[in-house]
């Protein structure tokens, strides 16, 4: 395993997490002031472009570098769940713009998607990435 490249890639991914979380916090603030198609489109664009590109790095190069320490199916499963939720929000936005969905429904779904991404990043940072680095995670057992 190319340990140096693995650690470098994880550090890059962690930086991206911080950048995405900042953008997602800004969108949450915008949503707290009221739902707009512009804010929802911004969320969808971030998810479909930047976050998707990020996920593909994890599923590709990162998974290959860490394959002897980590089963990438856990990453793929989580990413597919996020992809499904993005597609659902996209459909909801279309209905919302046609007046077929109430504001509260789409706001709840947008905030739920943001929470899902935030929770996933925490899982990667606290479990997946340490496992990929070969860190001892005995402390997670509670003993």
C-alpha atoms as a PDB file:
ATOM      1  CA  UNK A   1       0.000   0.000   0.000  1.00  0.00           C
ATOM      2  CA  UNK A   2       1.192   3.477  -0.774  1.00  0.00           C
ATOM      3  CA  UNK A   3       0.874   4.773   2.785  1.00  0.00           C
ATOM      4  CA  UNK A   4       1.993   8.301   1.930  1.00  0.00           C
ATOM      5  CA  UNK A   5      -0.538   8.683  -0.884  1.00  0.00           C
ATOM      6  CA  UNK A   6      -3.294   7.197   1.287  1.00  0.00           C
ATOM      7  CA  UNK A   7      -2.679   9.721   4.072  1.00  0.00           C
ATOM      8  CA  UNK A   8      -2.378  12.592   1.602  1.00  0.00           C
ATOM      9  CA  UNK A   9      -5.666  11.644  -0.044  1.00  0.00           C
ATOM     10  CA  UNK A  10      -7.451  11.334   3.314  1.00  0.00           C
ATOM     11  CA  UNK A  11      -6.165  14.777   4.322  1.00  0.00           C
ATOM     12  CA  UNK A  12      -7.470  16.206   1.025  1.00  0.00           C
ATOM     13  CA  UNK A  13     -10.848  14.556   1.635  1.00  0.00           C
ATOM     14  CA  UNK A  14     -10.978  15.947   5.179  1.00  0.00           C
ATOM     15  CA  UNK A  15     -10.331  19.447   3.811  1.00  0.00           C
ATOM     16  CA  UNK A  16     -13.162  18.922   1.341  1.00  0.00           C
ATOM     17  CA  UNK A  17     -15.430  17.824   4.208  1.00  0.00           C
ATOM     18  CA  UNK A  18     -14.760  21.122   5.987  1.00  0.00           C
ATOM     19  CA  UNK A  19     -15.454  23.099   2.804  1.00  0.00           C
ATOM     20  CA  UNK A  20     -18.708  21.232   2.134  1.00  0.00           C
ATOM     21  CA  UNK A  21     -19.846  21.575   5.743  1.00  0.00           C
ATOM     22  CA  UNK A  22     -19.317  25.337   5.542  1.00  0.00           C
ATOM     23  CA  UNK A  23     -21.445  25.531   2.392  1.00  0.00           C
ATOM     24  CA  UNK A  24     -24.114  23.297   3.938  1.00  0.00           C
ATOM     25  CA  UNK A  25     -24.241  25.511   7.052  1.00  0.00           C
ATOM     26  CA  UNK A  26     -24.761  28.545   4.810  1.00  0.00           C
ATOM     27  CA  UNK A  27     -27.617  26.757   3.046  1.00  0.00           C
ATOM     28  CA  UNK A  28     -29.174  25.831   6.419  1.00  0.00           C
ATOM     29  CA  UNK A  29     -29.094  29.506   7.407  1.00  0.00           C
ATOM     30  CA  UNK A  30     -30.701  30.459   4.105  1.00  0.00           C
ATOM     31  CA  UNK A  31     -33.412  27.828   4.622  1.00  0.00           C
ATOM     32  CA  UNK A  32     -34.103  29.090   8.140  1.00  0.00           C
ATOM     33  CA  UNK A  33     -34.931  32.451   6.565  1.00  0.00           C
ATOM     34  CA  UNK A  34     -37.317  30.801   4.143  1.00  0.00           C
ATOM     35  CA  UNK A  35     -37.373  28.291   1.333  1.00  0.00           C
ATOM     36  CA  UNK A  36     -36.489  29.428  -2.151  1.00  0.00           C
ATOM     37  CA  UNK A  37     -35.963  27.531  -5.368  1.00  0.00           C
ATOM     38  CA  UNK A  38     -32.586  29.290  -5.614  1.00  0.00           C
ATOM     39  CA  UNK A  39     -31.381  27.914  -2.264  1.00  0.00           C
ATOM     40  CA  UNK A  40     -32.642  24.418  -3.068  1.00  0.00           C
ATOM     41  CA  UNK A  41     -30.987  24.520  -6.476  1.00  0.00           C
ATOM     42  CA  UNK A  42     -27.751  25.603  -4.794  1.00  0.00           C
ATOM     43  CA  UNK A  43     -27.976  22.601  -2.453  1.00  0.00           C
ATOM     44  CA  UNK A  44     -28.667  20.214  -5.321  1.00  0.00           C
ATOM     45  CA  UNK A  45     -25.819  21.625  -7.415  1.00  0.00           C
ATOM     46  CA  UNK A  46     -23.331  21.214  -4.561  1.00  0.00           C
ATOM     47  CA  UNK A  47     -24.517  17.659  -3.979  1.00  0.00           C
ATOM     48  CA  UNK A  48     -24.585  16.606  -7.635  1.00  0.00           C
ATOM     49  CA  UNK A  49     -21.264  18.158  -8.574  1.00  0.00           C
ATOM     50  CA  UNK A  50     -18.797  18.654  -5.727  1.00  0.00           C
ATOM     51  CA  UNK A  51     -20.037  16.049  -3.258  1.00  0.00           C
ATOM     52  CA  UNK A  52     -20.496  13.476  -6.025  1.00  0.00           C
ATOM     53  CA  UNK A  53     -16.959  14.107  -7.294  1.00  0.00           C
ATOM     54  CA  UNK A  54     -15.755  13.709  -3.691  1.00  0.00           C
ATOM     55  CA  UNK A  55     -17.636  10.403  -3.351  1.00  0.00           C
ATOM     56  CA  UNK A  56     -16.110   9.088  -6.576  1.00  0.00           C
ATOM     57  CA  UNK A  57     -12.596   9.831  -5.246  1.00  0.00           C
ATOM     58  CA  UNK A  58     -13.419   7.816  -2.142  1.00  0.00           C
ATOM     59  CA  UNK A  59     -14.921   4.936  -4.125  1.00  0.00           C
ATOM     60  CA  UNK A  60     -12.057   4.949  -6.609  1.00  0.00           C
ATOM     61  CA  UNK A  61      -8.522   5.801  -5.577  1.00  0.00           C
ATOM     62  CA  UNK A  62      -9.098   5.753  -1.819  1.00  0.00           C
ATOM     63  CA  UNK A  63     -10.873   2.392  -1.873  1.00  0.00           C
ATOM     64  CA  UNK A  64      -8.099   0.918  -3.998  1.00  0.00           C
ATOM     65  CA  UNK A  65      -5.350   2.230  -1.705  1.00  0.00           C
ATOM     66  CA  UNK A  66      -7.097   0.920   1.426  1.00  0.00           C
ATOM     67  CA  UNK A  67      -8.527  -2.322   0.026  1.00  0.00           C
ATOM     68  CA  UNK A  68      -6.434  -4.503   2.333  1.00  0.00           C
ATOM     69  CA  UNK A  69      -7.818  -2.731   5.421  1.00  0.00           C
ATOM     70  CA  UNK A  70     -11.340  -1.688   4.493  1.00  0.00           C
ATOM     71  CA  UNK A  71     -14.276  -3.017   2.467  1.00  0.00           C
ATOM     72  CA  UNK A  72     -15.358  -0.122   0.227  1.00  0.00           C
ATOM     73  CA  UNK A  73     -18.934  -1.452   0.060  1.00  0.00           C
ATOM     74  CA  UNK A  74     -19.697   0.521   3.237  1.00  0.00           C
ATOM     75  CA  UNK A  75     -18.715   3.724   1.425  1.00  0.00           C
ATOM     76  CA  UNK A  76     -20.642   2.827  -1.706  1.00  0.00           C
ATOM     77  CA  UNK A  77     -23.750   1.971   0.322  1.00  0.00           C
ATOM     78  CA  UNK A  78     -23.659   5.320   2.154  1.00  0.00           C
ATOM     79  CA  UNK A  79     -22.986   7.246  -1.042  1.00  0.00           C
ATOM     80  CA  UNK A  80     -25.820   5.489  -2.860  1.00  0.00           C
ATOM     81  CA  UNK A  81     -28.160   6.417  -0.015  1.00  0.00           C
ATOM     82  CA  UNK A  82     -27.141  10.065  -0.389  1.00  0.00           C
ATOM     83  CA  UNK A  83     -27.529   9.847  -4.182  1.00  0.00           C
ATOM     84  CA  UNK A  84     -31.060   8.487  -3.736  1.00  0.00           C
ATOM     85  CA  UNK A  85     -31.956  11.314  -1.373  1.00  0.00           C
ATOM     86  CA  UNK A  86     -30.573  13.900  -3.800  1.00  0.00           C
ATOM     87  CA  UNK A  87     -32.751  12.440  -6.579  1.00  0.00           C
ATOM     88  CA  UNK A  88     -35.790  12.557  -4.281  1.00  0.00           C
ATOM     89  CA  UNK A  89     -35.103  16.185  -3.387  1.00  0.00           C
ATOM     90  CA  UNK A  90     -34.720  16.994  -7.065  1.00  0.00           C
ATOM     91  CA  UNK A  91     -38.170  15.516  -7.734  1.00  0.00           C
ATOM     92  CA  UNK A  92     -39.608  17.409  -4.760  1.00  0.00           C
ATOM     93  CA  UNK A  93     -38.137  20.669  -6.049  1.00  0.00           C
ATOM     94  CA  UNK A  94     -39.805  20.096  -9.397  1.00  0.00           C
ATOM     95  CA  UNK A  95     -43.148  19.525  -7.643  1.00  0.00           C
ATOM     96  CA  UNK A  96     -42.548  22.514  -5.350  1.00  0.00           C
ATOM     97  CA  UNK A  97     -41.928  24.806  -8.315  1.00  0.00           C
ATOM     98  CA  UNK A  98     -45.255  23.643  -9.803  1.00  0.00           C
ATOM     99  CA  UNK A  99     -47.010  24.389  -6.511  1.00  0.00           C
ATOM    100  CA  UNK A 100     -47.588  20.697  -5.780  1.00  0.00           C
ATOM    101  CA  UNK A 101     -45.517  20.499  -2.564  1.00  0.00           C
ATOM    102  CA  UNK A 102     -45.780  22.614   0.555  1.00  0.00           C
ATOM    103  CA  UNK A 103     -42.782  24.628   1.652  1.00  0.00           C
ATOM    104  CA  UNK A 104     -42.415  22.737   4.928  1.00  0.00           C
ATOM    105  CA  UNK A 105     -42.105  19.366   3.183  1.00  0.00           C
ATOM    106  CA  UNK A 106     -39.273  20.463   0.941  1.00  0.00           C
ATOM    107  CA  UNK A 107     -37.551  22.355   3.755  1.00  0.00           C
ATOM    108  CA  UNK A 108     -37.686  19.261   5.971  1.00  0.00           C
ATOM    109  CA  UNK A 109     -36.269  17.084   3.185  1.00  0.00           C
ATOM    110  CA  UNK A 110     -33.474  19.555   2.387  1.00  0.00           C
ATOM    111  CA  UNK A 111     -32.470  19.779   6.054  1.00  0.00           C
ATOM    112  CA  UNK A 112     -32.673  15.994   6.347  1.00  0.00           C
ATOM    113  CA  UNK A 113     -30.308  15.595   3.383  1.00  0.00           C
ATOM    114  CA  UNK A 114     -27.843  18.022   4.968  1.00  0.00           C
ATOM    115  CA  UNK A 115     -27.983  16.049   8.220  1.00  0.00           C
ATOM    116  CA  UNK A 116     -27.431  12.783   6.337  1.00  0.00           C
ATOM    117  CA  UNK A 117     -24.308  14.179   4.669  1.00  0.00           C
ATOM    118  CA  UNK A 118     -23.020  15.605   7.951  1.00  0.00           C
ATOM    119  CA  UNK A 119     -23.564  12.254   9.709  1.00  0.00           C
ATOM    120  CA  UNK A 120     -21.841  10.412   6.862  1.00  0.00           C
ATOM    121  CA  UNK A 121     -18.807  12.702   7.044  1.00  0.00           C
ATOM    122  CA  UNK A 122     -18.585  12.030  10.790  1.00  0.00           C
ATOM    123  CA  UNK A 123     -18.740   8.289  10.148  1.00  0.00           C
ATOM    124  CA  UNK A 124     -15.940   8.572   7.609  1.00  0.00           C
ATOM    125  CA  UNK A 125     -13.808  10.722   9.895  1.00  0.00           C
ATOM    126  CA  UNK A 126     -14.345   8.688  13.067  1.00  0.00           C
ATOM    127  CA  UNK A 127     -14.511   5.160  11.669  1.00  0.00           C
ATOM    128  CA  UNK A 128     -13.790   4.635   7.969  1.00  0.00           C
ATOM    129  CA  UNK A 129     -10.686   6.815   7.585  1.00  0.00           C
ATOM    130  CA  UNK A 130      -9.041   5.565  10.812  1.00  0.00           C
ATOM    131  CA  UNK A 131      -9.667   1.965   9.685  1.00  0.00           C
ATOM    132  CA  UNK A 132      -8.117   2.749   6.308  1.00  0.00           C
ATOM    133  CA  UNK A 133      -5.087   4.189   8.088  1.00  0.00           C
ATOM    134  CA  UNK A 134      -4.757   1.001  10.116  1.00  0.00           C
ATOM    135  CA  UNK A 135      -5.501   2.730  13.424  1.00  0.00           C
ATOM    136  CA  UNK A 136      -6.505   0.670  16.438  1.00  0.00           C
ATOM    137  CA  UNK A 137     -10.180   1.311  17.100  1.00  0.00           C
ATOM    138  CA  UNK A 138     -10.646  -0.817  20.223  1.00  0.00           C
ATOM    139  CA  UNK A 139     -11.844   2.280  22.072  1.00  0.00           C
ATOM    140  CA  UNK A 140     -15.055   2.191  19.998  1.00  0.00           C
ATOM    141  CA  UNK A 141     -16.179  -0.947  21.803  1.00  0.00           C
ATOM    142  CA  UNK A 142     -16.800   0.992  25.011  1.00  0.00           C
ATOM    143  CA  UNK A 143     -14.408  -1.045  27.147  1.00  0.00           C
END
